[in-house]
Amino acid sequence: MNFAVFLMGENFLLPGHASLQGFFVTKGLSAQNEQDAAAQAVAAVKADPKLADSFSLSNATAPTLTVKVIHQLPHVMKDTEYFFFPMEDA
């Protein structure tokens, strides 16, 4: 089955940004069910080189990654680009 998994990240310390950043991204993938799709999407984001350092850095506020919505699709979709925003605006 094909799924689109919409995720929200919060409290990421990223190079080039003075403040903590949040983001939205949608991952398109094939999985057996919604739970597997969610797990695969989270693993893909955690493995992304742009974000990997944020998970290992020690800062006062740990980064979080939340699956917001999962949709079953008739075909595989491409991943969206990350949409970053400063956390103080959130």
PDB file of N, CA and C in Angstrom:
ATOM      1  N   MET A   1       0.844  -1.182   0.000  1.00  0.00           N
ATOM      2  CA  MET A   1       0.000   0.000   0.000  1.00  0.00           C
ATOM      3  C   MET A   1       0.886   1.241   0.000  1.00  0.00           C
ATOM      4  N   ASN A   2       0.378   2.317  -0.557  1.00  0.00           N
ATOM      5  CA  ASN A   2       1.113   3.573  -0.628  1.00  0.00           C
ATOM      6  C   ASN A   2       0.518   4.574   0.351  1.00  0.00           C
ATOM      7  N   PHE A   3       1.413   5.338   0.983  1.00  0.00           N
ATOM      8  CA  PHE A   3       0.969   6.293   1.992  1.00  0.00           C
ATOM      9  C   PHE A   3       1.688   7.623   1.838  1.00  0.00           C
ATOM     10  N   ALA A   4       1.027   8.683   2.294  1.00  0.00           N
ATOM     11  CA  ALA A   4       1.634   9.990   2.495  1.00  0.00           C
ATOM     12  C   ALA A   4       1.591  10.241   3.999  1.00  0.00           C
ATOM     13  N   VAL A   5       2.749  10.488   4.594  1.00  0.00           N
ATOM     14  CA  VAL A   5       2.835  10.696   6.039  1.00  0.00           C
ATOM     15  C   VAL A   5       3.287  12.138   6.282  1.00  0.00           C
ATOM     16  N   PHE A   6       2.425  12.925   6.923  1.00  0.00           N
ATOM     17  CA  PHE A   6       2.694  14.335   7.219  1.00  0.00           C
ATOM     18  C   PHE A   6       3.255  14.423   8.628  1.00  0.00           C
ATOM     19  N   LEU A   7       4.473  14.990   8.746  1.00  0.00           N
ATOM     20  CA  LEU A   7       5.155  15.070  10.040  1.00  0.00           C
ATOM     21  C   LEU A   7       5.447  16.514  10.420  1.00  0.00           C
ATOM     22  N   MET A   8       5.533  16.737  11.725  1.00  0.00           N
ATOM     23  CA  MET A   8       5.926  18.038  12.264  1.00  0.00           C
ATOM     24  C   MET A   8       7.105  17.842  13.199  1.00  0.00           C
ATOM     25  N   GLY A   9       8.159  18.601  12.979  1.00  0.00           N
ATOM     26  CA  GLY A   9       9.314  18.594  13.867  1.00  0.00           C
ATOM     27  C   GLY A   9       9.328  19.886  14.657  1.00  0.00           C
ATOM     28  N   GLU A  10       9.759  19.809  15.898  1.00  0.00           N
ATOM     29  CA  GLU A  10       9.846  21.000  16.747  1.00  0.00           C
ATOM     30  C   GLU A  10      11.161  21.000  17.512  1.00  0.00           C
ATOM     31  N   ASN A  11      11.688  22.195  17.751  1.00  0.00           N
ATOM     32  CA  ASN A  11      12.870  22.415  18.590  1.00  0.00           C
ATOM     33  C   ASN A  11      14.151  21.830  18.011  1.00  0.00           C
ATOM     34  N   PHE A  12      14.383  22.066  16.729  1.00  0.00           N
ATOM     35  CA  PHE A  12      15.597  21.587  16.078  1.00  0.00           C
ATOM     36  C   PHE A  12      16.619  22.715  16.008  1.00  0.00           C
ATOM     37  N   LEU A  13      17.841  22.445  16.463  1.00  0.00           N
ATOM     38  CA  LEU A  13      18.949  23.381  16.376  1.00  0.00           C
ATOM     39  C   LEU A  13      19.674  23.080  15.073  1.00  0.00           C
ATOM     40  N   LEU A  14      19.562  23.974  14.103  1.00  0.00           N
ATOM     41  CA  LEU A  14      20.102  23.734  12.767  1.00  0.00           C
ATOM     42  C   LEU A  14      21.219  24.719  12.439  1.00  0.00           C
ATOM     43  N   PRO A  15      22.229  24.255  11.701  1.00  0.00           N
ATOM     44  CA  PRO A  15      23.306  25.160  11.287  1.00  0.00           C
ATOM     45  C   PRO A  15      22.743  26.334  10.487  1.00  0.00           C
ATOM     46  N   GLY A  16      23.275  27.527  10.760  1.00  0.00           N
ATOM     47  CA  GLY A  16      22.830  28.704  10.039  1.00  0.00           C
ATOM     48  C   GLY A  16      21.611  29.385  10.627  1.00  0.00           C
ATOM     49  N   HIS A  17      21.072  28.832  11.715  1.00  0.00           N
ATOM     50  CA  HIS A  17      19.898  29.423  12.364  1.00  0.00           C
ATOM     51  C   HIS A  17      20.234  29.721  13.819  1.00  0.00           C
ATOM     52  N   ALA A  18      19.976  30.953  14.235  1.00  0.00           N
ATOM     53  CA  ALA A  18      20.289  31.356  15.609  1.00  0.00           C
ATOM     54  C   ALA A  18      19.283  30.806  16.614  1.00  0.00           C
ATOM     55  N   SER A  19      18.063  30.523  16.161  1.00  0.00           N
ATOM     56  CA  SER A  19      17.025  30.044  17.073  1.00  0.00           C
ATOM     57  C   SER A  19      16.596  28.625  16.691  1.00  0.00           C
ATOM     58  N   LEU A  20      15.893  28.003  17.617  1.00  0.00           N
ATOM     59  CA  LEU A  20      15.350  26.672  17.344  1.00  0.00           C
ATOM     60  C   LEU A  20      14.351  26.762  16.200  1.00  0.00           C
ATOM     61  N   GLN A  21      14.328  25.711  15.375  1.00  0.00           N
ATOM     62  CA  GLN A  21      13.462  25.671  14.202  1.00  0.00           C
ATOM     63  C   GLN A  21      12.468  24.528  14.315  1.00  0.00           C
ATOM     64  N   GLY A  22      11.308  24.739  13.723  1.00  0.00           N
ATOM     65  CA  GLY A  22      10.330  23.683  13.537  1.00  0.00           C
ATOM     66  C   GLY A  22      10.205  23.438  12.045  1.00  0.00           C
ATOM     67  N   PHE A  23       9.530  22.372  11.677  1.00  0.00           N
ATOM     68  CA  PHE A  23       9.326  22.116  10.250  1.00  0.00           C
ATOM     69  C   PHE A  23       8.120  21.223  10.027  1.00  0.00           C
ATOM     70  N   PHE A  24       7.656  21.253   8.779  1.00  0.00           N
ATOM     71  CA  PHE A  24       6.660  20.318   8.285  1.00  0.00           C
ATOM     72  C   PHE A  24       7.263  19.624   7.074  1.00  0.00           C
ATOM     73  N   VAL A  25       6.941  18.350   6.886  1.00  0.00           N
ATOM     74  CA  VAL A  25       7.373  17.606   5.706  1.00  0.00           C
ATOM     75  C   VAL A  25       6.403  16.446   5.500  1.00  0.00           C
ATOM     76  N   THR A  26       6.212  16.065   4.252  1.00  0.00           N
ATOM     77  CA  THR A  26       5.410  14.887   3.939  1.00  0.00           C
ATOM     78  C   THR A  26       6.302  13.877   3.243  1.00  0.00           C
ATOM     79  N   LYS A  27       6.278  12.647   3.738  1.00  0.00           N
ATOM     80  CA  LYS A  27       7.049  11.553   3.162  1.00  0.00           C
ATOM     81  C   LYS A  27       6.094  10.616   2.433  1.00  0.00           C
ATOM     82  N   GLY A  28       6.403  10.297   1.182  1.00  0.00           N
ATOM     83  CA  GLY A  28       5.629   9.345   0.414  1.00  0.00           C
ATOM     84  C   GLY A  28       6.347   8.014   0.403  1.00  0.00           C
ATOM     85  N   LEU A  29       5.635   6.927   0.730  1.00  0.00           N
ATOM     86  CA  LEU A  29       6.298   5.626   0.806  1.00  0.00           C
ATOM     87  C   LEU A  29       5.314   4.470   0.690  1.00  0.00           C
ATOM     88  N   SER A  30       5.863   3.290   0.505  1.00  0.00           N
ATOM     89  CA  SER A  30       5.067   2.061   0.478  1.00  0.00           C
ATOM     90  C   SER A  30       5.292   1.321   1.788  1.00  0.00           C
ATOM     91  N   ALA A  31       4.209   0.799   2.353  1.00  0.00           N
ATOM     92  CA  ALA A  31       4.287   0.075   3.617  1.00  0.00           C
ATOM     93  C   ALA A  31       3.114  -0.898   3.706  1.00  0.00           C
ATOM     94  N   GLN A  32       3.218  -1.823   4.663  1.00  0.00           N
ATOM     95  CA  GLN A  32       2.156  -2.815   4.869  1.00  0.00           C
ATOM     96  C   GLN A  32       0.895  -2.198   5.458  1.00  0.00           C
ATOM     97  N   ASN A  33       1.080  -1.192   6.350  1.00  0.00           N
ATOM     98  CA  ASN A  33      -0.053  -0.580   7.036  1.00  0.00           C
ATOM     99  C   ASN A  33       0.349   0.811   7.534  1.00  0.00           C
ATOM    100  N   GLU A  34      -0.582   1.522   8.162  1.00  0.00           N
ATOM    101  CA  GLU A  34      -0.310   2.879   8.633  1.00  0.00           C
ATOM    102  C   GLU A  34       0.791   2.926   9.683  1.00  0.00           C
ATOM    103  N   GLN A  35       0.834   1.945  10.577  1.00  0.00           N
ATOM    104  CA  GLN A  35       1.862   1.940  11.623  1.00  0.00           C
ATOM    105  C   GLN A  35       3.258   1.799  11.017  1.00  0.00           C
ATOM    106  N   ASP A  36       3.396   0.909  10.032  1.00  0.00           N
ATOM    107  CA  ASP A  36       4.686   0.758   9.356  1.00  0.00           C
ATOM    108  C   ASP A  36       5.045   2.013   8.573  1.00  0.00           C
ATOM    109  N   ALA A  37       4.059   2.636   7.946  1.00  0.00           N
ATOM    110  CA  ALA A  37       4.303   3.872   7.192  1.00  0.00           C
ATOM    111  C   ALA A  37       4.807   4.965   8.127  1.00  0.00           C
ATOM    112  N   ALA A  38       4.172   5.100   9.293  1.00  0.00           N
ATOM    113  CA  ALA A  38       4.598   6.109  10.267  1.00  0.00           C
ATOM    114  C   ALA A  38       6.028   5.838  10.733  1.00  0.00           C
ATOM    115  N   ALA A  39       6.325   4.589  11.051  1.00  0.00           N
ATOM    116  CA  ALA A  39       7.671   4.237  11.519  1.00  0.00           C
ATOM    117  C   ALA A  39       8.723   4.505  10.446  1.00  0.00           C
ATOM    118  N   GLN A  40       8.420   4.164   9.203  1.00  0.00           N
ATOM    119  CA  GLN A  40       9.355   4.402   8.102  1.00  0.00           C
ATOM    120  C   GLN A  40       9.582   5.902   7.884  1.00  0.00           C
ATOM    121  N   ALA A  41       8.528   6.684   7.977  1.00  0.00           N
ATOM    122  CA  ALA A  41       8.641   8.127   7.774  1.00  0.00           C
ATOM    123  C   ALA A  41       9.492   8.768   8.868  1.00  0.00           C
ATOM    124  N   VAL A  42       9.259   8.380  10.111  1.00  0.00           N
ATOM    125  CA  VAL A  42      10.052   8.911  11.227  1.00  0.00           C
ATOM    126  C   VAL A  42      11.515   8.515  11.052  1.00  0.00           C
ATOM    127  N   ALA A  43      11.770   7.268  10.704  1.00  0.00           N
ATOM    128  CA  ALA A  43      13.145   6.813  10.496  1.00  0.00           C
ATOM    129  C   ALA A  43      13.824   7.578   9.363  1.00  0.00           C
ATOM    130  N   ALA A  44      13.093   7.867   8.299  1.00  0.00           N
ATOM    131  CA  ALA A  44      13.659   8.607   7.164  1.00  0.00           C
ATOM    132  C   ALA A  44      14.058  10.020   7.576  1.00  0.00           C
ATOM    133  N   VAL A  45      13.224  10.680   8.370  1.00  0.00           N
ATOM    134  CA  VAL A  45      13.554  12.031   8.822  1.00  0.00           C
ATOM    135  C   VAL A  45      14.751  11.988   9.771  1.00  0.00           C
ATOM    136  N   LYS A  46      14.764  11.040  10.692  1.00  0.00           N
ATOM    137  CA  LYS A  46      15.882  10.940  11.637  1.00  0.00           C
ATOM    138  C   LYS A  46      17.199  10.632  10.928  1.00  0.00           C
ATOM    139  N   ALA A  47      17.141   9.958   9.785  1.00  0.00           N
ATOM    140  CA  ALA A  47      18.344   9.613   9.034  1.00  0.00           C
ATOM    141  C   ALA A  47      18.783  10.721   8.079  1.00  0.00           C
ATOM    142  N   ASP A  48      17.965  11.739   7.911  1.00  0.00           N
ATOM    143  CA  ASP A  48      18.291  12.824   6.980  1.00  0.00           C
ATOM    144  C   ASP A  48      19.532  13.569   7.477  1.00  0.00           C
ATOM    145  N   PRO A  49      20.577  13.686   6.658  1.00  0.00           N
ATOM    146  CA  PRO A  49      21.813  14.363   7.086  1.00  0.00           C
ATOM    147  C   PRO A  49      21.592  15.814   7.526  1.00  0.00           C
ATOM    148  N   LYS A  50      20.569  16.481   6.981  1.00  0.00           N
ATOM    149  CA  LYS A  50      20.287  17.870   7.374  1.00  0.00           C
ATOM    150  C   LYS A  50      19.848  17.966   8.835  1.00  0.00           C
ATOM    151  N   LEU A  51      19.279  16.886   9.353  1.00  0.00           N
ATOM    152  CA  LEU A  51      18.710  16.921  10.700  1.00  0.00           C
ATOM    153  C   LEU A  51      19.417  16.019  11.701  1.00  0.00           C
ATOM    154  N   ALA A  52      20.266  15.124  11.226  1.00  0.00           N
ATOM    155  CA  ALA A  52      20.869  14.106  12.091  1.00  0.00           C
ATOM    156  C   ALA A  52      21.582  14.698  13.299  1.00  0.00           C
ATOM    157  N   ASP A  53      22.320  15.785  13.107  1.00  0.00           N
ATOM    158  CA  ASP A  53      23.052  16.385  14.229  1.00  0.00           C
ATOM    159  C   ASP A  53      22.110  16.913  15.309  1.00  0.00           C
ATOM    160  N   SER A  54      20.943  17.374  14.917  1.00  0.00           N
ATOM    161  CA  SER A  54      19.997  17.925  15.886  1.00  0.00           C
ATOM    162  C   SER A  54      19.547  16.883  16.902  1.00  0.00           C
ATOM    163  N   PHE A  55      19.469  15.628  16.483  1.00  0.00           N
ATOM    164  CA  PHE A  55      19.043  14.570  17.405  1.00  0.00           C
ATOM    165  C   PHE A  55      20.136  14.218  18.409  1.00  0.00           C
ATOM    166  N   SER A  56      21.412  14.494  18.065  1.00  0.00           N
ATOM    167  CA  SER A  56      22.507  14.126  18.958  1.00  0.00           C
ATOM    168  C   SER A  56      23.008  15.299  19.796  1.00  0.00           C
ATOM    169  N   LEU A  57      22.646  16.527  19.437  1.00  0.00           N
ATOM    170  CA  LEU A  57      23.096  17.690  20.213  1.00  0.00           C
ATOM    171  C   LEU A  57      22.354  17.748  21.539  1.00  0.00           C
ATOM    172  N   SER A  58      23.073  18.207  22.561  1.00  0.00           N
ATOM    173  CA  SER A  58      22.394  18.379  23.844  1.00  0.00           C
ATOM    174  C   SER A  58      22.011  19.849  23.980  1.00  0.00           C
ATOM    175  N   ASN A  59      20.736  20.096  23.990  1.00  0.00           N
ATOM    176  CA  ASN A  59      20.248  21.448  24.239  1.00  0.00           C
ATOM    177  C   ASN A  59      19.122  21.355  25.267  1.00  0.00           C
ATOM    178  N   ALA A  60      18.709  22.484  25.765  1.00  0.00           N
ATOM    179  CA  ALA A  60      17.725  22.497  26.853  1.00  0.00           C
ATOM    180  C   ALA A  60      16.394  21.885  26.430  1.00  0.00           C
ATOM    181  N   THR A  61      16.041  22.054  25.164  1.00  0.00           N
ATOM    182  CA  THR A  61      14.767  21.543  24.671  1.00  0.00           C
ATOM    183  C   THR A  61      15.046  20.481  23.613  1.00  0.00           C
ATOM    184  N   ALA A  62      14.712  19.253  23.907  1.00  0.00           N
ATOM    185  CA  ALA A  62      14.964  18.156  22.966  1.00  0.00           C
ATOM    186  C   ALA A  62      14.059  18.282  21.745  1.00  0.00           C
ATOM    187  N   PRO A  63      14.591  17.972  20.559  1.00  0.00           N
ATOM    188  CA  PRO A  63      13.747  18.011  19.369  1.00  0.00           C
ATOM    189  C   PRO A  63      12.684  16.905  19.413  1.00  0.00           C
ATOM    190  N   THR A  64      11.525  17.201  18.855  1.00  0.00           N
ATOM    191  CA  THR A  64      10.455  16.208  18.785  1.00  0.00           C
ATOM    192  C   THR A  64      10.000  16.056  17.344  1.00  0.00           C
ATOM    193  N   LEU A  65       9.507  14.893  17.036  1.00  0.00           N
ATOM    194  CA  LEU A  65       9.003  14.582  15.708  1.00  0.00           C
ATOM    195  C   LEU A  65       7.655  13.897  15.890  1.00  0.00           C
ATOM    196  N   THR A  66       6.613  14.477  15.302  1.00  0.00           N
ATOM    197  CA  THR A  66       5.249  13.985  15.487  1.00  0.00           C
ATOM    198  C   THR A  66       4.610  13.666  14.141  1.00  0.00           C
ATOM    199  N   VAL A  67       4.015  12.481  14.050  1.00  0.00           N
ATOM    200  CA  VAL A  67       3.214  12.134  12.867  1.00  0.00           C
ATOM    201  C   VAL A  67       1.861  12.784  13.058  1.00  0.00           C
ATOM    202  N   LYS A  68       1.498  13.687  12.145  1.00  0.00           N
ATOM    203  CA  LYS A  68       0.243  14.423  12.258  1.00  0.00           C
ATOM    204  C   LYS A  68      -0.899  13.749  11.498  1.00  0.00           C
ATOM    205  N   VAL A  69      -0.636  13.305  10.259  1.00  0.00           N
ATOM    206  CA  VAL A  69      -1.682  12.725   9.420  1.00  0.00           C
ATOM    207  C   VAL A  69      -1.063  11.654   8.530  1.00  0.00           C
ATOM    208  N   ILE A  70      -1.810  10.572   8.296  1.00  0.00           N
ATOM    209  CA  ILE A  70      -1.405   9.528   7.350  1.00  0.00           C
ATOM    210  C   ILE A  70      -2.565   9.305   6.385  1.00  0.00           C
ATOM    211  N   HIS A  71      -2.255   9.368   5.096  1.00  0.00           N
ATOM    212  CA  HIS A  71      -3.271   9.111   4.067  1.00  0.00           C
ATOM    213  C   HIS A  71      -2.827   7.942   3.208  1.00  0.00           C
ATOM    214  N   GLN A  72      -3.742   7.039   2.924  1.00  0.00           N
ATOM    215  CA  GLN A  72      -3.459   5.982   1.956  1.00  0.00           C
ATOM    216  C   GLN A  72      -3.704   6.560   0.562  1.00  0.00           C
ATOM    217  N   LEU A  73      -2.777   6.261  -0.365  1.00  0.00           N
ATOM    218  CA  LEU A  73      -2.844   6.799  -1.724  1.00  0.00           C
ATOM    219  C   LEU A  73      -2.883   5.684  -2.758  1.00  0.00           C
ATOM    220  N   PRO A  74      -3.390   5.969  -3.953  1.00  0.00           N
ATOM    221  CA  PRO A  74      -3.395   4.958  -5.012  1.00  0.00           C
ATOM    222  C   PRO A  74      -2.018   4.758  -5.658  1.00  0.00           C
ATOM    223  N   HIS A  75      -1.096   5.691  -5.417  1.00  0.00           N
ATOM    224  CA  HIS A  75       0.242   5.608  -6.011  1.00  0.00           C
ATOM    225  C   HIS A  75       1.247   6.237  -5.048  1.00  0.00           C
ATOM    226  N   VAL A  76       2.521   5.994  -5.269  1.00  0.00           N
ATOM    227  CA  VAL A  76       3.570   6.579  -4.432  1.00  0.00           C
ATOM    228  C   VAL A  76       3.756   8.034  -4.828  1.00  0.00           C
ATOM    229  N   MET A  77       3.826   8.906  -3.854  1.00  0.00           N
ATOM    230  CA  MET A  77       4.088  10.317  -4.127  1.00  0.00           C
ATOM    231  C   MET A  77       5.530  10.657  -3.773  1.00  0.00           C
ATOM    232  N   LYS A  78       6.032  11.742  -4.324  1.00  0.00           N
ATOM    233  CA  LYS A  78       7.364  12.229  -3.979  1.00  0.00           C
ATOM    234  C   LYS A  78       7.301  12.917  -2.619  1.00  0.00           C
ATOM    235  N   ASP A  79       8.429  12.865  -1.901  1.00  0.00           N
ATOM    236  CA  ASP A  79       8.526  13.599  -0.644  1.00  0.00           C
ATOM    237  C   ASP A  79       8.453  15.096  -0.929  1.00  0.00           C
ATOM    238  N   THR A  80       7.895  15.840   0.008  1.00  0.00           N
ATOM    239  CA  THR A  80       7.911  17.290  -0.124  1.00  0.00           C
ATOM    240  C   THR A  80       9.233  17.821   0.437  1.00  0.00           C
ATOM    241  N   GLU A  81       9.527  19.070   0.136  1.00  0.00           N
ATOM    242  CA  GLU A  81      10.674  19.745   0.754  1.00  0.00           C
ATOM    243  C   GLU A  81      10.306  20.076   2.198  1.00  0.00           C
ATOM    244  N   TYR A  82      11.327  20.261   3.033  1.00  0.00           N
ATOM    245  CA  TYR A  82      11.075  20.705   4.404  1.00  0.00           C
ATOM    246  C   TYR A  82      10.620  22.160   4.371  1.00  0.00           C
ATOM    247  N   PHE A  83       9.630  22.481   5.173  1.00  0.00           N
ATOM    248  CA  PHE A  83       9.206  23.864   5.376  1.00  0.00           C
ATOM    249  C   PHE A  83       9.604  24.219   6.797  1.00  0.00           C
ATOM    250  N   PHE A  84      10.671  25.020   6.944  1.00  0.00           N
ATOM    251  CA  PHE A  84      11.188  25.401   8.268  1.00  0.00           C
ATOM    252  C   PHE A  84      10.567  26.701   8.736  1.00  0.00           C
ATOM    253  N   PHE A  85      10.411  26.813  10.075  1.00  0.00           N
ATOM    254  CA  PHE A  85       9.929  28.042  10.697  1.00  0.00           C
ATOM    255  C   PHE A  85      10.565  28.187  12.066  1.00  0.00           C
ATOM    256  N   PRO A  86      10.810  29.441  12.517  1.00  0.00           N
ATOM    257  CA  PRO A  86      11.389  29.648  13.841  1.00  0.00           C
ATOM    258  C   PRO A  86      10.378  29.286  14.938  1.00  0.00           C
ATOM    259  N   MET A  87      10.843  28.613  15.965  1.00  0.00           N
ATOM    260  CA  MET A  87       9.935  28.149  17.023  1.00  0.00           C
ATOM    261  C   MET A  87       9.318  29.300  17.814  1.00  0.00           C
ATOM    262  N   GLU A  88       9.989  30.428  17.941  1.00  0.00           N
ATOM    263  CA  GLU A  88       9.384  31.515  18.710  1.00  0.00           C
ATOM    264  C   GLU A  88       8.145  32.073  18.024  1.00  0.00           C
ATOM    265  N   ASP A  89       7.990  31.799  16.714  1.00  0.00           N
ATOM    266  CA  ASP A  89       6.784  32.215  15.995  1.00  0.00           C
ATOM    267  C   ASP A  89       5.648  31.199  16.151  1.00  0.00           C
ATOM    268  N   ALA A  90       5.985  30.020  16.664  1.00  0.00           N
ATOM    269  CA  ALA A  90       4.990  28.934  16.746  1.00  0.00           C
ATOM    270  C   ALA A  90       4.037  29.146  17.902  1.00  0.00           C
TER     271      ALA A  90
END
